[in-house]
PDB file of N, CA and C in Angstrom:
ATOM      1  N   MET A   1     -97.994 -79.108  -8.693  1.00  0.00           N
ATOM      2  CA  MET A   1     -97.160 -77.819  -8.545  1.00  0.00           C
ATOM      3  C   MET A   1     -96.073 -78.141  -9.527  1.00  0.00           C
ATOM      4  N   PRO A   2     -95.755 -77.284 -10.537  1.00  0.00           N
ATOM      5  CA  PRO A   2     -94.774 -77.674 -11.528  1.00  0.00           C
ATOM      6  C   PRO A   2     -93.512 -77.367 -11.056  1.00  0.00           C
ATOM      7  N   ALA A   3     -92.342 -78.170 -11.571  1.00  0.00           N
ATOM      8  CA  ALA A   3     -91.084 -78.098 -11.183  1.00  0.00           C
ATOM      9  C   ALA A   3     -90.524 -76.928 -11.490  1.00  0.00           C
ATOM     10  N   LEU A   4     -89.532 -76.452 -10.537  1.00  0.00           N
ATOM     11  CA  LEU A   4     -88.870 -75.265 -10.577  1.00  0.00           C
ATOM     12  C   LEU A   4     -87.348 -75.428 -11.507  1.00  0.00           C
ATOM     13  N   SER A   5     -87.290 -74.536 -12.696  1.00  0.00           N
ATOM     14  CA  SER A   5     -86.072 -74.447 -13.469  1.00  0.00           C
ATOM     15  C   SER A   5     -85.154 -73.680 -12.719  1.00  0.00           C
ATOM     16  N   PRO A   6     -83.780 -73.894 -13.081  1.00  0.00           N
ATOM     17  CA  PRO A   6     -83.041 -73.035 -12.446  1.00  0.00           C
ATOM     18  C   PRO A   6     -83.006 -71.589 -12.597  1.00  0.00           C
ATOM     19  N   MET A   7     -83.609 -70.986 -13.518  1.00  0.00           N
ATOM     20  CA  MET A   7     -83.866 -69.740 -13.726  1.00  0.00           C
ATOM     21  C   MET A   7     -85.069 -69.104 -12.905  1.00  0.00           C
ATOM     22  N   SER A   8     -85.953 -70.018 -12.612  1.00  0.00           N
ATOM     23  CA  SER A   8     -86.956 -69.570 -11.662  1.00  0.00           C
ATOM     24  C   SER A   8     -86.476 -69.427 -10.099  1.00  0.00           C
ATOM     25  N   GLU A   9     -85.679 -70.457  -9.982  1.00  0.00           N
ATOM     26  CA  GLU A   9     -85.062 -70.541  -8.554  1.00  0.00           C
ATOM     27  C   GLU A   9     -84.426 -69.214  -8.419  1.00  0.00           C
ATOM     28  N   SER A  10     -83.446 -68.650  -9.312  1.00  0.00           N
ATOM     29  CA  SER A  10     -82.791 -67.369  -8.766  1.00  0.00           C
ATOM     30  C   SER A  10     -83.665 -66.181  -9.019  1.00  0.00           C
ATOM     31  N   SER A  11     -84.792 -66.286  -9.581  1.00  0.00           N
ATOM     32  CA  SER A  11     -85.870 -65.219  -9.609  1.00  0.00           C
ATOM     33  C   SER A  11     -86.328 -65.109  -8.300  1.00  0.00           C
ATOM     34  N   LEU A  12     -86.458 -66.360  -7.386  1.00  0.00           N
ATOM     35  CA  LEU A  12     -87.062 -66.280  -6.140  1.00  0.00           C
ATOM     36  C   LEU A  12     -86.068 -65.344  -5.074  1.00  0.00           C
ATOM     37  N   ASP A  13     -84.863 -65.196  -5.385  1.00  0.00           N
ATOM     38  CA  ASP A  13     -84.318 -64.478  -4.583  1.00  0.00           C
ATOM     39  C   ASP A  13     -84.591 -62.868  -4.524  1.00  0.00           C
ATOM     40  N   THR A  14     -85.299 -62.455  -5.594  1.00  0.00           N
ATOM     41  CA  THR A  14     -85.948 -61.131  -5.582  1.00  0.00           C
ATOM     42  C   THR A  14     -86.907 -60.953  -4.584  1.00  0.00           C
ATOM     43  N   ASP A  15     -87.654 -62.009  -4.099  1.00  0.00           N
ATOM     44  CA  ASP A  15     -88.574 -62.260  -3.445  1.00  0.00           C
ATOM     45  C   ASP A  15     -88.290 -62.072  -1.959  1.00  0.00           C
ATOM     46  N   ARG A  16     -87.101 -62.074  -1.482  1.00  0.00           N
ATOM     47  CA  ARG A  16     -86.440 -61.892  -0.318  1.00  0.00           C
ATOM     48  C   ARG A  16     -86.630 -60.512   0.180  1.00  0.00           C
ATOM     49  N   SER A  17     -86.478 -60.393   1.377  1.00  0.00           N
ATOM     50  CA  SER A  17     -86.713 -58.904   2.008  1.00  0.00           C
ATOM     51  C   SER A  17     -85.143 -58.341   2.095  1.00  0.00           C
ATOM     52  N   PRO A  18     -84.764 -57.220   2.178  1.00  0.00           N
ATOM     53  CA  PRO A  18     -83.600 -56.686   2.068  1.00  0.00           C
ATOM     54  C   PRO A  18     -82.884 -57.198   3.286  1.00  0.00           C
ATOM     55  N   ALA A  19     -83.472 -57.525   4.434  1.00  0.00           N
ATOM     56  CA  ALA A  19     -82.598 -57.845   5.787  1.00  0.00           C
ATOM     57  C   ALA A  19     -82.410 -59.434   5.584  1.00  0.00           C
ATOM     58  N   GLU A  20     -83.126 -60.057   5.001  1.00  0.00           N
ATOM     59  CA  GLU A  20     -82.766 -61.597   4.510  1.00  0.00           C
ATOM     60  C   GLU A  20     -81.637 -61.729   3.606  1.00  0.00           C
ATOM     61  N   ARG A  21     -81.568 -60.531   2.314  1.00  0.00           N
ATOM     62  CA  ARG A  21     -80.425 -60.749   1.753  1.00  0.00           C
ATOM     63  C   ARG A  21     -79.131 -60.575   2.249  1.00  0.00           C
ATOM     64  N   GLU A  22     -79.105 -59.256   3.264  1.00  0.00           N
ATOM     65  CA  GLU A  22     -78.077 -58.983   3.843  1.00  0.00           C
ATOM     66  C   GLU A  22     -77.693 -60.139   4.929  1.00  0.00           C
ATOM     67  N   GLU A  23     -78.570 -60.831   5.558  1.00  0.00           N
ATOM     68  CA  GLU A  23     -78.260 -61.802   6.421  1.00  0.00           C
ATOM     69  C   GLU A  23     -77.336 -62.918   5.587  1.00  0.00           C
ATOM     70  N   GLN A  24     -78.032 -63.325   4.256  1.00  0.00           N
ATOM     71  CA  GLN A  24     -77.297 -64.167   3.543  1.00  0.00           C
ATOM     72  C   GLN A  24     -75.910 -63.972   3.209  1.00  0.00           C
ATOM     73  N   LEU A  25     -75.813 -62.636   2.862  1.00  0.00           N
ATOM     74  CA  LEU A  25     -74.357 -62.025   2.371  1.00  0.00           C
ATOM     75  C   LEU A  25     -73.485 -62.170   3.432  1.00  0.00           C
ATOM     76  N   LEU A  26     -73.771 -61.580   4.632  1.00  0.00           N
ATOM     77  CA  LEU A  26     -72.950 -61.679   5.937  1.00  0.00           C
ATOM     78  C   LEU A  26     -72.581 -63.319   6.420  1.00  0.00           C
ATOM     79  N   GLY A  27     -73.633 -64.211   6.130  1.00  0.00           N
ATOM     80  CA  GLY A  27     -73.316 -65.580   6.373  1.00  0.00           C
ATOM     81  C   GLY A  27     -72.208 -66.156   5.558  1.00  0.00           C
ATOM     82  N   SER A  28     -72.286 -65.842   4.238  1.00  0.00           N
ATOM     83  CA  SER A  28     -71.336 -66.201   3.276  1.00  0.00           C
ATOM     84  C   SER A  28     -70.009 -65.443   3.588  1.00  0.00           C
ATOM     85  N   LEU A  29     -70.016 -64.027   4.067  1.00  0.00           N
ATOM     86  CA  LEU A  29     -68.806 -63.340   4.282  1.00  0.00           C
ATOM     87  C   LEU A  29     -68.014 -63.981   5.436  1.00  0.00           C
ATOM     88  N   PHE A  30     -68.847 -64.568   6.576  1.00  0.00           N
ATOM     89  CA  PHE A  30     -68.442 -64.973   7.700  1.00  0.00           C
ATOM     90  C   PHE A  30     -67.597 -66.063   7.301  1.00  0.00           C
ATOM     91  N   TYR A  31     -67.779 -67.196   6.509  1.00  0.00           N
ATOM     92  CA  TYR A  31     -67.101 -68.225   6.151  1.00  0.00           C
ATOM     93  C   TYR A  31     -65.822 -67.778   5.311  1.00  0.00           C
ATOM     94  N   TYR A  32     -65.822 -66.748   4.590  1.00  0.00           N
ATOM     95  CA  TYR A  32     -64.547 -66.117   3.804  1.00  0.00           C
ATOM     96  C   TYR A  32     -63.745 -65.688   5.053  1.00  0.00           C
ATOM     97  N   VAL A  33     -64.105 -64.730   5.820  1.00  0.00           N
ATOM     98  CA  VAL A  33     -63.290 -64.396   6.930  1.00  0.00           C
ATOM     99  C   VAL A  33     -62.839 -65.323   7.928  1.00  0.00           C
ATOM    100  N   LEU A  34     -63.660 -66.498   8.120  1.00  0.00           N
ATOM    101  CA  LEU A  34     -63.130 -67.484   8.982  1.00  0.00           C
ATOM    102  C   LEU A  34     -62.012 -68.114   8.191  1.00  0.00           C
ATOM    103  N   LEU A  35     -62.194 -68.635   6.983  1.00  0.00           N
ATOM    104  CA  LEU A  35     -61.077 -69.243   6.068  1.00  0.00           C
ATOM    105  C   LEU A  35     -59.667 -68.422   6.290  1.00  0.00           C
ATOM    106  N   ALA A  36     -59.949 -67.067   6.114  1.00  0.00           N
ATOM    107  CA  ALA A  36     -58.694 -66.037   5.927  1.00  0.00           C
ATOM    108  C   ALA A  36     -58.163 -66.037   6.929  1.00  0.00           C
ATOM    109  N   THR A  37     -58.675 -65.794   8.093  1.00  0.00           N
ATOM    110  CA  THR A  37     -58.118 -65.832   9.410  1.00  0.00           C
ATOM    111  C   THR A  37     -57.472 -67.127   9.842  1.00  0.00           C
ATOM    112  N   GLY A  38     -57.746 -68.126   9.555  1.00  0.00           N
ATOM    113  CA  GLY A  38     -57.445 -69.390   9.614  1.00  0.00           C
ATOM    114  C   GLY A  38     -55.924 -69.696   9.189  1.00  0.00           C
ATOM    115  N   LEU A  39     -56.240 -69.134   7.859  1.00  0.00           N
ATOM    116  CA  LEU A  39     -54.844 -69.138   7.009  1.00  0.00           C
ATOM    117  C   LEU A  39     -53.770 -68.524   7.495  1.00  0.00           C
ATOM    118  N   ALA A  40     -54.338 -67.236   8.010  1.00  0.00           N
ATOM    119  CA  ALA A  40     -53.161 -66.369   8.486  1.00  0.00           C
ATOM    120  C   ALA A  40     -52.686 -66.666   9.559  1.00  0.00           C
ATOM    121  N   PHE A  41     -53.513 -67.274  10.493  1.00  0.00           N
ATOM    122  CA  PHE A  41     -52.853 -67.912  11.869  1.00  0.00           C
ATOM    123  C   PHE A  41     -51.756 -68.866  11.616  1.00  0.00           C
ATOM    124  N   PHE A  42     -52.235 -69.714  10.585  1.00  0.00           N
ATOM    125  CA  PHE A  42     -51.523 -71.036  10.053  1.00  0.00           C
ATOM    126  C   PHE A  42     -50.204 -70.465   9.510  1.00  0.00           C
ATOM    127  N   ASN A  43     -50.331 -69.570   8.606  1.00  0.00           N
ATOM    128  CA  ASN A  43     -48.884 -68.868   8.101  1.00  0.00           C
ATOM    129  C   ASN A  43     -48.057 -68.310   9.223  1.00  0.00           C
ATOM    130  N   ARG A  44     -48.824 -67.793  10.167  1.00  0.00           N
ATOM    131  CA  ARG A  44     -47.776 -67.045  11.194  1.00  0.00           C
ATOM    132  C   ARG A  44     -47.371 -67.828  12.234  1.00  0.00           C
ATOM    133  N   ALA A  45     -48.239 -69.083  12.620  1.00  0.00           N
ATOM    134  CA  ALA A  45     -47.884 -69.835  13.550  1.00  0.00           C
ATOM    135  C   ALA A  45     -46.719 -71.196  13.123  1.00  0.00           C
ATOM    136  N   MET A  46     -46.840 -71.339  11.978  1.00  0.00           N
ATOM    137  CA  MET A  46     -46.145 -72.635  11.599  1.00  0.00           C
ATOM    138  C   MET A  46     -44.704 -72.410  11.633  1.00  0.00           C
ATOM    139  N   PRO A  47     -43.883 -71.459  11.164  1.00  0.00           N
ATOM    140  CA  PRO A  47     -42.664 -71.319  11.328  1.00  0.00           C
ATOM    141  C   PRO A  47     -41.949 -71.415  12.711  1.00  0.00           C
ATOM    142  N   THR A  48     -42.822 -70.977  13.798  1.00  0.00           N
ATOM    143  CA  THR A  48     -42.505 -70.832  15.186  1.00  0.00           C
ATOM    144  C   THR A  48     -41.865 -71.962  15.564  1.00  0.00           C
ATOM    145  N   PRO A  49     -42.266 -73.398  15.544  1.00  0.00           N
ATOM    146  CA  PRO A  49     -41.521 -74.397  16.178  1.00  0.00           C
ATOM    147  C   PRO A  49     -40.168 -74.747  15.357  1.00  0.00           C
ATOM    148  N   PHE A  50     -40.047 -74.541  14.130  1.00  0.00           N
ATOM    149  CA  PHE A  50     -38.796 -74.901  13.324  1.00  0.00           C
ATOM    150  C   PHE A  50     -37.951 -73.664  13.214  1.00  0.00           C
ATOM    151  N   LEU A  51     -38.174 -72.574  13.411  1.00  0.00           N
ATOM    152  CA  LEU A  51     -37.186 -71.385  13.402  1.00  0.00           C
ATOM    153  C   LEU A  51     -35.933 -71.728  14.207  1.00  0.00           C
ATOM    154  N   PRO A  52     -36.255 -72.032  15.494  1.00  0.00           N
ATOM    155  CA  PRO A  52     -34.865 -72.428  16.360  1.00  0.00           C
ATOM    156  C   PRO A  52     -34.199 -73.463  15.794  1.00  0.00           C
ATOM    157  N   LEU A  53     -34.549 -74.446  15.452  1.00  0.00           N
ATOM    158  CA  LEU A  53     -33.867 -75.286  14.636  1.00  0.00           C
ATOM    159  C   LEU A  53     -33.088 -75.087  13.572  1.00  0.00           C
ATOM    160  N   VAL A  54     -33.742 -74.300  12.576  1.00  0.00           N
ATOM    161  CA  VAL A  54     -32.995 -73.762  11.368  1.00  0.00           C
ATOM    162  C   VAL A  54     -31.981 -72.810  11.654  1.00  0.00           C
ATOM    163  N   LEU A  55     -32.341 -71.964  12.600  1.00  0.00           N
ATOM    164  CA  LEU A  55     -31.235 -70.915  12.979  1.00  0.00           C
ATOM    165  C   LEU A  55     -29.903 -71.587  13.600  1.00  0.00           C
ATOM    166  N   SER A  56     -30.199 -72.265  14.617  1.00  0.00           N
ATOM    167  CA  SER A  56     -29.078 -72.917  15.225  1.00  0.00           C
ATOM    168  C   SER A  56     -28.462 -74.043  14.402  1.00  0.00           C
ATOM    169  N   GLU A  57     -29.000 -74.732  13.496  1.00  0.00           N
ATOM    170  CA  GLU A  57     -28.327 -75.909  12.488  1.00  0.00           C
ATOM    171  C   GLU A  57     -27.843 -75.153  11.527  1.00  0.00           C
ATOM    172  N   GLN A  58     -28.609 -74.711  10.601  1.00  0.00           N
ATOM    173  CA  GLN A  58     -28.073 -74.284   9.482  1.00  0.00           C
ATOM    174  C   GLN A  58     -27.411 -73.063   9.266  1.00  0.00           C
ATOM    175  N   PHE A  59     -27.885 -72.027  10.128  1.00  0.00           N
ATOM    176  CA  PHE A  59     -27.376 -70.548  10.142  1.00  0.00           C
ATOM    177  C   PHE A  59     -26.073 -70.493  11.201  1.00  0.00           C
ATOM    178  N   GLU A  60     -26.173 -71.796  11.928  1.00  0.00           N
ATOM    179  CA  GLU A  60     -25.153 -71.689  13.336  1.00  0.00           C
ATOM    180  C   GLU A  60     -25.188 -70.550  14.123  1.00  0.00           C
ATOM    181  N   GLU A  61     -26.353 -70.040  14.541  1.00  0.00           N
ATOM    182  CA  GLU A  61     -26.530 -68.941  15.242  1.00  0.00           C
ATOM    183  C   GLU A  61     -26.492 -69.510  16.787  1.00  0.00           C
ATOM    184  N   ARG A  62     -25.862 -68.383  17.736  1.00  0.00           N
ATOM    185  CA  ARG A  62     -25.949 -68.842  19.252  1.00  0.00           C
ATOM    186  C   ARG A  62     -27.260 -68.858  19.631  1.00  0.00           C
ATOM    187  N   SER A  63     -27.268 -69.472  20.932  1.00  0.00           N
ATOM    188  CA  SER A  63     -28.599 -69.591  21.470  1.00  0.00           C
ATOM    189  C   SER A  63     -29.302 -68.426  22.030  1.00  0.00           C
ATOM    190  N   SER A  64     -28.311 -67.298  22.250  1.00  0.00           N
ATOM    191  CA  SER A  64     -28.991 -66.093  22.759  1.00  0.00           C
ATOM    192  C   SER A  64     -29.629 -65.362  21.705  1.00  0.00           C
ATOM    193  N   THR A  65     -28.975 -65.555  20.283  1.00  0.00           N
ATOM    194  CA  THR A  65     -29.397 -64.703  19.166  1.00  0.00           C
ATOM    195  C   THR A  65     -30.873 -65.498  18.687  1.00  0.00           C
ATOM    196  N   VAL A  66     -30.811 -66.785  18.828  1.00  0.00           N
ATOM    197  CA  VAL A  66     -31.958 -67.503  18.684  1.00  0.00           C
ATOM    198  C   VAL A  66     -33.365 -66.877  19.671  1.00  0.00           C
ATOM    199  N   GLY A  67     -32.723 -66.721  20.789  1.00  0.00           N
ATOM    200  CA  GLY A  67     -33.921 -66.326  21.819  1.00  0.00           C
ATOM    201  C   GLY A  67     -34.253 -65.012  21.341  1.00  0.00           C
ATOM    202  N   LEU A  68     -33.479 -64.141  21.071  1.00  0.00           N
ATOM    203  CA  LEU A  68     -33.786 -62.641  20.593  1.00  0.00           C
ATOM    204  C   LEU A  68     -34.508 -62.711  19.623  1.00  0.00           C
ATOM    205  N   ILE A  69     -34.350 -63.287  18.445  1.00  0.00           N
ATOM    206  CA  ILE A  69     -35.152 -63.578  17.408  1.00  0.00           C
ATOM    207  C   ILE A  69     -36.490 -64.061  17.506  1.00  0.00           C
ATOM    208  N   MET A  70     -36.608 -64.985  18.368  1.00  0.00           N
ATOM    209  CA  MET A  70     -37.856 -65.882  18.854  1.00  0.00           C
ATOM    210  C   MET A  70     -38.737 -64.708  19.613  1.00  0.00           C
ATOM    211  N   ALA A  71     -38.105 -63.841  20.484  1.00  0.00           N
ATOM    212  CA  ALA A  71     -38.887 -62.826  21.102  1.00  0.00           C
ATOM    213  C   ALA A  71     -39.351 -61.784  20.178  1.00  0.00           C
ATOM    214  N   MET A  72     -38.591 -61.626  19.086  1.00  0.00           N
ATOM    215  CA  MET A  72     -38.768 -60.094  18.223  1.00  0.00           C
ATOM    216  C   MET A  72     -40.143 -60.918  17.153  1.00  0.00           C
ATOM    217  N   TYR A  73     -40.162 -62.062  17.071  1.00  0.00           N
ATOM    218  CA  TYR A  73     -41.072 -62.664  16.088  1.00  0.00           C
ATOM    219  C   TYR A  73     -42.788 -62.185  16.485  1.00  0.00           C
ATOM    220  N   PRO A  74     -43.106 -62.581  17.648  1.00  0.00           N
ATOM    221  CA  PRO A  74     -44.394 -62.074  18.155  1.00  0.00           C
ATOM    222  C   PRO A  74     -44.567 -60.586  18.354  1.00  0.00           C
ATOM    223  N   LEU A  75     -43.471 -60.127  18.725  1.00  0.00           N
ATOM    224  CA  LEU A  75     -43.422 -58.535  18.787  1.00  0.00           C
ATOM    225  C   LEU A  75     -43.540 -57.715  17.651  1.00  0.00           C
ATOM    226  N   GLY A  76     -43.128 -58.349  16.678  1.00  0.00           N
ATOM    227  CA  GLY A  76     -43.330 -57.892  15.156  1.00  0.00           C
ATOM    228  C   GLY A  76     -44.866 -57.986  14.865  1.00  0.00           C
ATOM    229  N   ALA A  77     -45.381 -59.081  15.339  1.00  0.00           N
ATOM    230  CA  ALA A  77     -46.749 -59.384  14.847  1.00  0.00           C
ATOM    231  C   ALA A  77     -47.772 -58.324  15.611  1.00  0.00           C
ATOM    232  N   LEU A  78     -47.457 -57.863  16.780  1.00  0.00           N
ATOM    233  CA  LEU A  78     -48.025 -57.184  17.921  1.00  0.00           C
ATOM    234  C   LEU A  78     -47.902 -56.009  17.542  1.00  0.00           C
ATOM    235  N   VAL A  79     -46.869 -55.397  16.588  1.00  0.00           N
ATOM    236  CA  VAL A  79     -46.783 -54.000  16.269  1.00  0.00           C
ATOM    237  C   VAL A  79     -47.443 -53.980  14.671  1.00  0.00           C
ATOM    238  N   THR A  80     -47.407 -54.787  14.026  1.00  0.00           N
ATOM    239  CA  THR A  80     -47.853 -54.488  12.638  1.00  0.00           C
ATOM    240  C   THR A  80     -49.375 -55.057  12.518  1.00  0.00           C
ATOM    241  N   THR A  81     -49.955 -55.700  13.491  1.00  0.00           N
ATOM    242  CA  THR A  81     -51.252 -55.730  13.444  1.00  0.00           C
ATOM    243  C   THR A  81     -52.020 -54.659  13.535  1.00  0.00           C
ATOM    244  N   PRO A  82     -51.985 -53.731  14.473  1.00  0.00           N
ATOM    245  CA  PRO A  82     -52.786 -52.674  14.592  1.00  0.00           C
ATOM    246  C   PRO A  82     -52.512 -51.634  13.542  1.00  0.00           C
ATOM    247  N   TRP A  83     -51.497 -51.409  12.727  1.00  0.00           N
ATOM    248  CA  TRP A  83     -51.120 -50.767  11.672  1.00  0.00           C
ATOM    249  C   TRP A  83     -51.803 -51.098  10.600  1.00  0.00           C
ATOM    250  N   ALA A  84     -51.638 -52.576  10.268  1.00  0.00           N
ATOM    251  CA  ALA A  84     -52.666 -52.905   9.133  1.00  0.00           C
ATOM    252  C   ALA A  84     -53.992 -52.823   9.268  1.00  0.00           C
ATOM    253  N   SER A  85     -54.404 -52.983  10.353  1.00  0.00           N
ATOM    254  CA  SER A  85     -55.872 -52.759  10.654  1.00  0.00           C
ATOM    255  C   SER A  85     -56.429 -51.338  10.444  1.00  0.00           C
ATOM    256  N   ALA A  86     -55.527 -50.205  10.791  1.00  0.00           N
ATOM    257  CA  ALA A  86     -55.682 -49.012  10.512  1.00  0.00           C
ATOM    258  C   ALA A  86     -55.774 -48.829   8.945  1.00  0.00           C
ATOM    259  N   VAL A  87     -54.703 -49.218   8.412  1.00  0.00           N
ATOM    260  CA  VAL A  87     -54.728 -49.034   6.920  1.00  0.00           C
ATOM    261  C   VAL A  87     -56.013 -49.491   6.342  1.00  0.00           C
ATOM    262  N   ALA A  88     -56.299 -50.799   6.615  1.00  0.00           N
ATOM    263  CA  ALA A  88     -57.595 -51.486   5.914  1.00  0.00           C
ATOM    264  C   ALA A  88     -58.721 -50.739   6.300  1.00  0.00           C
ATOM    265  N   ARG A  89     -58.944 -50.208   7.622  1.00  0.00           N
ATOM    266  CA  ARG A  89     -59.972 -49.542   7.727  1.00  0.00           C
ATOM    267  C   ARG A  89     -60.094 -47.983   7.269  1.00  0.00           C
ATOM    268  N   ARG A  90     -58.987 -47.379   7.048  1.00  0.00           N
ATOM    269  CA  ARG A  90     -58.852 -46.093   6.358  1.00  0.00           C
ATOM    270  C   ARG A  90     -59.291 -46.366   4.811  1.00  0.00           C
ATOM    271  N   THR A  91     -58.727 -47.326   4.079  1.00  0.00           N
ATOM    272  CA  THR A  91     -58.915 -47.390   2.897  1.00  0.00           C
ATOM    273  C   THR A  91     -60.285 -48.399   2.638  1.00  0.00           C
ATOM    274  N   SER A  92     -60.989 -48.953   3.581  1.00  0.00           N
ATOM    275  CA  SER A  92     -62.212 -49.614   3.523  1.00  0.00           C
ATOM    276  C   SER A  92     -62.058 -50.839   2.403  1.00  0.00           C
ATOM    277  N   HIS A  93     -61.044 -51.269   2.384  1.00  0.00           N
ATOM    278  CA  HIS A  93     -60.894 -52.438   1.370  1.00  0.00           C
ATOM    279  C   HIS A  93     -60.144 -53.603   2.441  1.00  0.00           C
ATOM    280  N   ILE A  94     -60.908 -53.832   3.349  1.00  0.00           N
ATOM    281  CA  ILE A  94     -60.524 -54.961   4.403  1.00  0.00           C
ATOM    282  C   ILE A  94     -60.227 -56.400   3.764  1.00  0.00           C
ATOM    283  N   ALA A  95     -61.324 -56.623   2.968  1.00  0.00           N
ATOM    284  CA  ALA A  95     -61.136 -58.112   2.493  1.00  0.00           C
ATOM    285  C   ALA A  95     -59.910 -57.935   1.573  1.00  0.00           C
ATOM    286  N   ARG A  96     -59.702 -57.092   0.690  1.00  0.00           N
ATOM    287  CA  ARG A  96     -58.568 -57.094  -0.092  1.00  0.00           C
ATOM    288  C   ARG A  96     -57.113 -57.002   0.645  1.00  0.00           C
ATOM    289  N   MET A  97     -57.094 -56.287   1.715  1.00  0.00           N
ATOM    290  CA  MET A  97     -55.987 -55.966   2.383  1.00  0.00           C
ATOM    291  C   MET A  97     -55.793 -57.359   3.100  1.00  0.00           C
ATOM    292  N   HIS A  98     -56.679 -57.967   3.412  1.00  0.00           N
ATOM    293  CA  HIS A  98     -56.193 -59.440   4.248  1.00  0.00           C
ATOM    294  C   HIS A  98     -55.851 -60.484   3.136  1.00  0.00           C
ATOM    295  N   ALA A  99     -56.619 -60.300   1.900  1.00  0.00           N
ATOM    296  CA  ALA A  99     -55.845 -61.190   0.985  1.00  0.00           C
ATOM    297  C   ALA A  99     -54.644 -61.080   0.522  1.00  0.00           C
ATOM    298  N   LEU A 100     -54.199 -59.623   0.570  1.00  0.00           N
ATOM    299  CA  LEU A 100     -52.880 -59.327   0.368  1.00  0.00           C
ATOM    300  C   LEU A 100     -51.931 -59.644   1.544  1.00  0.00           C
ATOM    301  N   ALA A 101     -52.427 -59.527   2.558  1.00  0.00           N
ATOM    302  CA  ALA A 101     -51.487 -59.975   3.593  1.00  0.00           C
ATOM    303  C   ALA A 101     -51.366 -61.671   3.704  1.00  0.00           C
ATOM    304  N   ILE A 102     -52.352 -62.195   3.348  1.00  0.00           N
ATOM    305  CA  ILE A 102     -52.052 -63.821   3.303  1.00  0.00           C
ATOM    306  C   ILE A 102     -51.293 -64.138   2.181  1.00  0.00           C
ATOM    307  N   TYR A 103     -51.328 -63.527   1.173  1.00  0.00           N
ATOM    308  CA  TYR A 103     -50.265 -63.534   0.034  1.00  0.00           C
ATOM    309  C   TYR A 103     -48.800 -63.523   0.334  1.00  0.00           C
ATOM    310  N   GLY A 104     -48.869 -62.371   1.176  1.00  0.00           N
ATOM    311  CA  GLY A 104     -47.499 -61.881   1.407  1.00  0.00           C
ATOM    312  C   GLY A 104     -46.786 -63.027   2.490  1.00  0.00           C
ATOM    313  N   MET A 105     -47.514 -63.513   3.438  1.00  0.00           N
ATOM    314  CA  MET A 105     -47.301 -64.576   4.320  1.00  0.00           C
ATOM    315  C   MET A 105     -46.698 -65.689   3.718  1.00  0.00           C
ATOM    316  N   VAL A 106     -47.625 -66.133   2.605  1.00  0.00           N
ATOM    317  CA  VAL A 106     -47.267 -67.488   1.891  1.00  0.00           C
ATOM    318  C   VAL A 106     -46.022 -67.249   1.232  1.00  0.00           C
ATOM    319  N   LEU A 107     -45.659 -66.093   0.620  1.00  0.00           N
ATOM    320  CA  LEU A 107     -44.564 -65.819  -0.366  1.00  0.00           C
ATOM    321  C   LEU A 107     -43.408 -65.719   0.789  1.00  0.00           C
ATOM    322  N   VAL A 108     -43.369 -65.096   1.754  1.00  0.00           N
ATOM    323  CA  VAL A 108     -42.260 -64.918   2.944  1.00  0.00           C
ATOM    324  C   VAL A 108     -41.932 -66.492   3.591  1.00  0.00           C
ATOM    325  N   SER A 109     -43.072 -67.296   3.751  1.00  0.00           N
ATOM    326  CA  SER A 109     -42.889 -68.605   4.372  1.00  0.00           C
ATOM    327  C   SER A 109     -42.619 -69.481   3.247  1.00  0.00           C
ATOM    328  N   ALA A 110     -42.426 -69.383   2.255  1.00  0.00           N
ATOM    329  CA  ALA A 110     -42.143 -70.397   1.177  1.00  0.00           C
ATOM    330  C   ALA A 110     -40.609 -70.505   0.738  1.00  0.00           C
TER     331      ALA A 110
END
């Protein structure tokens, strides 16, 4: 049996059924979504332990103000997540909206 060249390997992709190609695409999309949600969680959760320290030490806020801000932080995420989801579904650009959200979180937390 002759060795397959890179050109002939890519031509084997056309031999797959549409269901197999869709399964391969969804498998690769799964890892992208997993990475994106992991980064989003990291960017949203990372400032939480340090926020009270920064607010009380550098900005000299009272403990009641720090507690109010810490309570509003997850409440803001709870309110904005369904809104962002509705916008992404309506525009049908979920991956692009998720990427823009991650870029925004990186810029805000930097």
